[in-house]
Amino acid sequence: MLEKYRTIYQGGQGEIVEKKSRFIATVRLVETEQEALAFVEEMKKKYWDARHNCYAYVIGERSEYTRCSDDGEPSGTAGRPMLDVLQGEALHNTAVVVTRYFGGVLLGTGGLVRAYSRAVQEGLRNSTVIEKQHGIILQILTDYNGIGKIQYLAGERRMPILDAEYTDKVKIKLLVPFDRAAELEKAVTEATSGRAKITREKELYYASLAGEQLLFEH
């Protein structure tokens, strides 16, 4: 698993006009190539009267699946520049379709490359991009003497407490970057003189958005 990667949380749409041609970029999160191709077909049906529906996508944590199409534009003037924008932003599991309504004025090779690139950038500006971090939920069972120390260690490291249950003991769940889990376990064990019981509950990906923690199954 990658320790972190950028992706789309919520897709968006952007539009530019270049010499009377409209370029409408639609961005979407896709997690399989089948989803990406279904999205392309959906956009082609929606914009059935457009001259071109060009697309690009990058799928997989390690960008295993990449594909692009000029859809009738001169070779290399649409799909490849669109893919370059996605890869330049280091995005994964992201697809974009740029729909062009021809305005009657030829843009030339350079003009097309710039227009399709700008359209994708505009679409991304109107999308919500997040960085997913490889993490783990640690469950810690401790007595009341240990809870303050554990809260201090978590706060110092900016590791959020997801849940806390107070009975005769205290059970808390912490969201921890995977590559820092061993270090925190060691610190908790030392701070509580080995009395805290630590369980590695679940590996997952998470992201922060507007002060909230988003959790994702991997």
Protein backbone atom coordinates (compact mmCIF):
# COMPACT_ATOMS: atom_id res chain seq x y z
CA MET A 1 0.00 0.00 0.00
CA LEU A 2 1.16 3.52 -0.72
CA GLU A 3 1.71 5.60 2.40
CA LYS A 4 -0.23 8.46 0.79
CA TYR A 5 -1.74 9.49 -2.52
CA ARG A 6 -3.94 12.23 -4.00
CA THR A 7 -7.37 11.55 -5.42
CA ILE A 8 -10.81 13.06 -6.01
CA TYR A 9 -13.29 13.15 -3.14
CA GLN A 10 -15.98 14.97 -5.08
CA GLY A 11 -15.84 15.54 -8.83
CA GLY A 12 -16.71 18.84 -10.42
CA GLN A 13 -17.13 20.60 -13.73
CA GLY A 14 -15.37 23.52 -15.35
CA GLU A 15 -15.83 25.36 -18.64
CA ILE A 16 -13.67 27.62 -20.76
CA VAL A 17 -14.36 29.33 -24.10
CA GLU A 18 -11.59 29.64 -26.67
CA LYS A 19 -12.31 31.42 -29.98
CA LYS A 20 -16.03 30.60 -29.69
CA SER A 21 -15.42 26.88 -28.96
CA ARG A 22 -16.80 25.68 -25.59
CA PHE A 23 -14.71 23.19 -23.63
CA ILE A 24 -16.60 21.55 -20.75
CA ALA A 25 -14.51 19.41 -18.38
CA THR A 26 -16.23 16.88 -16.12
CA VAL A 27 -14.11 15.22 -13.41
CA ARG A 28 -15.06 12.06 -11.55
CA LEU A 29 -13.64 9.59 -9.03
CA VAL A 30 -13.32 6.13 -10.62
CA GLU A 31 -11.82 3.04 -9.01
CA THR A 32 -11.85 0.59 -11.92
CA GLU A 33 -11.34 0.83 -15.66
CA GLN A 34 -14.94 -0.36 -16.14
CA GLU A 35 -16.17 2.61 -14.08
CA ALA A 36 -14.03 4.98 -16.15
CA LEU A 37 -15.32 3.66 -19.48
CA ALA A 38 -18.93 3.76 -18.22
CA PHE A 39 -18.37 7.40 -17.21
CA VAL A 40 -17.04 8.21 -20.69
CA GLU A 41 -20.12 6.62 -22.28
CA GLU A 42 -22.39 8.55 -19.91
CA MET A 43 -20.79 11.84 -20.96
CA LYS A 44 -21.05 10.94 -24.65
CA LYS A 45 -24.77 10.32 -24.24
CA LYS A 46 -25.26 13.52 -22.22
CA TYR A 47 -23.38 15.62 -24.77
CA TRP A 48 -24.45 13.63 -27.84
CA ASP A 49 -24.57 16.77 -29.99
CA ALA A 50 -20.98 17.85 -29.25
CA ARG A 51 -18.21 17.58 -31.83
CA HIS A 52 -15.77 15.81 -29.46
CA ASN A 53 -15.79 14.06 -26.06
CA CYS A 54 -12.12 13.53 -25.28
CA TYR A 55 -11.03 11.72 -22.12
CA ALA A 56 -8.18 10.68 -19.88
CA TYR A 57 -7.95 8.62 -16.73
CA VAL A 58 -5.43 7.35 -14.18
CA ILE A 59 -6.46 4.35 -12.08
CA GLY A 60 -4.70 2.38 -9.33
CA GLU A 61 -2.55 3.34 -6.38
CA ARG A 62 0.47 3.00 -8.65
CA SER A 63 -1.27 4.31 -11.78
CA GLU A 64 -1.50 0.81 -13.24
CA TYR A 65 -4.17 1.84 -15.75
CA THR A 66 -3.82 5.02 -17.79
CA ARG A 67 -5.59 5.78 -21.01
CA CYS A 68 -6.55 8.79 -23.10
CA SER A 69 -8.43 9.55 -26.30
CA ASP A 70 -8.44 12.47 -28.74
CA ASP A 71 -11.90 11.45 -30.03
CA GLY A 72 -11.35 12.85 -33.50
CA GLU A 73 -9.14 15.82 -32.62
CA PRO A 74 -5.68 15.85 -34.25
CA SER A 75 -3.46 13.19 -32.66
CA GLY A 76 -1.86 14.27 -29.39
CA THR A 77 -3.79 17.55 -29.04
CA ALA A 78 -6.42 16.52 -26.48
CA GLY A 79 -6.18 13.22 -24.61
CA ARG A 80 -2.44 13.32 -23.96
CA PRO A 81 -2.40 16.91 -22.65
CA MET A 82 -5.40 16.05 -20.44
CA LEU A 83 -3.57 13.01 -19.06
CA ASP A 84 -0.47 15.15 -18.48
CA VAL A 85 -2.51 17.47 -16.24
CA LEU A 86 -3.83 14.55 -14.15
CA GLN A 87 -0.37 13.07 -13.79
CA GLY A 88 1.18 16.48 -13.11
CA GLU A 89 -1.24 16.84 -10.18
CA ALA A 90 -0.22 13.33 -9.01
CA LEU A 91 -3.86 12.20 -9.03
CA HIS A 92 -4.99 8.60 -8.79
CA ASN A 93 -8.39 7.02 -9.52
CA THR A 94 -9.44 10.07 -11.50
CA ALA A 95 -11.14 10.41 -14.88
CA VAL A 96 -11.95 13.51 -16.89
CA VAL A 97 -14.00 14.02 -20.05
CA VAL A 98 -13.65 17.30 -21.95
CA THR A 99 -16.59 18.01 -24.26
CA ARG A 100 -15.98 20.43 -27.12
CA TYR A 101 -18.66 22.36 -28.94
CA PHE A 102 -16.92 23.68 -32.04
CA GLY A 103 -17.25 27.43 -32.50
CA GLY A 104 -16.25 27.62 -36.15
CA VAL A 105 -12.68 28.86 -35.67
CA LEU A 106 -9.71 26.46 -35.96
CA LEU A 107 -7.37 26.66 -32.97
CA GLY A 108 -4.30 24.93 -34.40
CA THR A 109 -2.29 22.25 -32.64
CA GLY A 110 -0.86 24.48 -29.90
CA GLY A 111 -4.20 26.13 -29.29
CA LEU A 112 -5.94 22.79 -28.84
CA VAL A 113 -3.30 21.53 -26.40
CA ARG A 114 -3.64 24.70 -24.30
CA ALA A 115 -7.44 24.66 -24.41
CA TYR A 116 -7.83 21.03 -23.35
CA SER A 117 -5.21 21.45 -20.61
CA ARG A 118 -6.89 24.59 -19.27
CA ALA A 119 -10.29 22.93 -19.31
CA VAL A 120 -9.02 20.05 -17.16
CA GLN A 121 -7.39 22.51 -14.74
CA GLU A 122 -10.69 24.37 -14.47
CA GLY A 123 -12.54 21.11 -13.80
CA LEU A 124 -10.07 20.20 -11.05
CA ARG A 125 -10.41 23.66 -9.48
CA ASN A 126 -14.13 22.93 -9.09
CA SER A 127 -13.53 19.46 -7.65
CA THR A 128 -12.57 18.44 -4.11
CA VAL A 129 -9.11 16.88 -4.07
CA ILE A 130 -7.92 15.00 -0.98
CA GLU A 131 -4.75 13.23 0.10
CA LYS A 132 -5.38 9.73 1.41
CA GLN A 133 -2.99 8.58 4.12
CA HIS A 134 -2.32 4.93 4.98
CA GLY A 135 -3.31 4.57 8.62
CA ILE A 136 -4.35 2.19 11.35
CA ILE A 137 -6.86 2.34 14.18
CA LEU A 138 -5.27 1.48 17.52
CA GLN A 139 -7.52 0.45 20.39
CA ILE A 140 -5.99 1.17 23.79
CA LEU A 141 -7.38 -0.19 27.07
CA THR A 142 -6.05 1.61 30.10
CA ASP A 143 -6.86 2.50 33.70
CA TYR A 144 -7.84 6.03 34.69
CA ASN A 145 -4.26 6.84 35.70
CA GLY A 146 -3.07 6.25 32.15
CA ILE A 147 -5.71 8.11 30.16
CA GLY A 148 -4.24 11.59 30.65
CA LYS A 149 -0.81 10.42 29.51
CA ILE A 150 -2.26 8.75 26.41
CA GLN A 151 -4.34 11.83 25.54
CA TYR A 152 -1.19 13.95 25.87
CA LEU A 153 0.82 11.63 23.59
CA ALA A 154 -1.95 11.62 20.98
CA GLY A 155 -2.44 15.39 21.11
CA GLU A 156 1.29 16.06 20.85
CA ARG A 157 1.40 13.94 17.68
CA ARG A 158 -1.90 15.28 16.29
CA MET A 159 -3.41 11.81 16.23
CA PRO A 160 -7.20 12.12 16.61
CA ILE A 161 -9.23 10.16 19.15
CA LEU A 162 -12.07 8.51 17.21
CA ASP A 163 -13.96 7.08 20.16
CA ALA A 164 -13.71 6.75 23.95
CA GLU A 165 -15.61 4.45 26.28
CA TYR A 166 -15.46 4.95 30.05
CA THR A 167 -16.36 2.02 32.35
CA ASP A 168 -14.21 0.56 35.11
CA LYS A 169 -11.40 1.11 32.58
CA VAL A 170 -11.03 3.43 29.60
CA LYS A 171 -11.07 2.17 26.02
CA ILE A 172 -10.03 4.67 23.36
CA LYS A 173 -9.52 4.38 19.62
CA LEU A 174 -6.80 6.43 17.94
CA LEU A 175 -6.28 7.13 14.23
CA VAL A 176 -2.56 6.79 13.58
CA PRO A 177 -0.40 7.04 10.42
CA PHE A 178 0.70 3.46 9.75
CA ASP A 179 4.39 4.31 9.65
CA ARG A 180 4.16 5.91 13.13
CA ALA A 181 2.17 3.17 14.86
CA ALA A 182 5.17 1.34 16.34
CA GLU A 183 6.59 4.58 17.74
CA LEU A 184 3.28 5.47 19.43
CA GLU A 185 2.86 1.95 20.83
CA LYS A 186 6.32 2.21 22.40
CA ALA A 187 5.55 5.66 23.86
CA VAL A 188 2.23 4.48 25.35
CA THR A 189 3.85 1.36 26.83
CA GLU A 190 6.59 3.46 28.45
CA ALA A 191 4.19 6.15 29.71
CA THR A 192 1.87 3.59 31.36
CA SER A 193 4.65 1.27 32.57
CA GLY A 194 3.25 -1.48 30.37
CA ARG A 195 -0.23 -1.42 31.91
CA ALA A 196 -2.06 -0.26 28.76
CA LYS A 197 -3.22 -2.99 26.39
CA ILE A 198 -2.83 -2.00 22.72
CA THR A 199 -4.66 -3.74 19.86
CA ARG A 200 -4.13 -3.04 16.17
CA GLU A 201 -7.76 -2.98 15.09
CA LYS A 202 -7.90 -2.07 11.39
CA GLU A 203 -5.74 -0.80 8.53
CA LEU A 204 -7.37 1.80 6.32
CA TYR A 205 -6.88 5.03 4.41
CA TYR A 206 -7.97 8.36 5.84
CA ALA A 207 -8.01 12.01 4.85
CA SER A 208 -8.71 15.33 6.55
CA LEU A 209 -11.31 17.63 5.02
CA ALA A 210 -12.58 20.84 6.65
CA GLY A 211 -11.47 19.63 10.08
CA GLU A 212 -13.15 16.23 9.73
CA GLN A 213 -11.51 12.82 9.42
CA LEU A 214 -12.73 10.76 6.46
CA LEU A 215 -12.16 7.02 6.73
CA PHE A 216 -11.88 4.70 3.71
CA GLU A 217 -11.61 0.93 3.47
CA HIS A 218 -8.53 -0.01 1.46
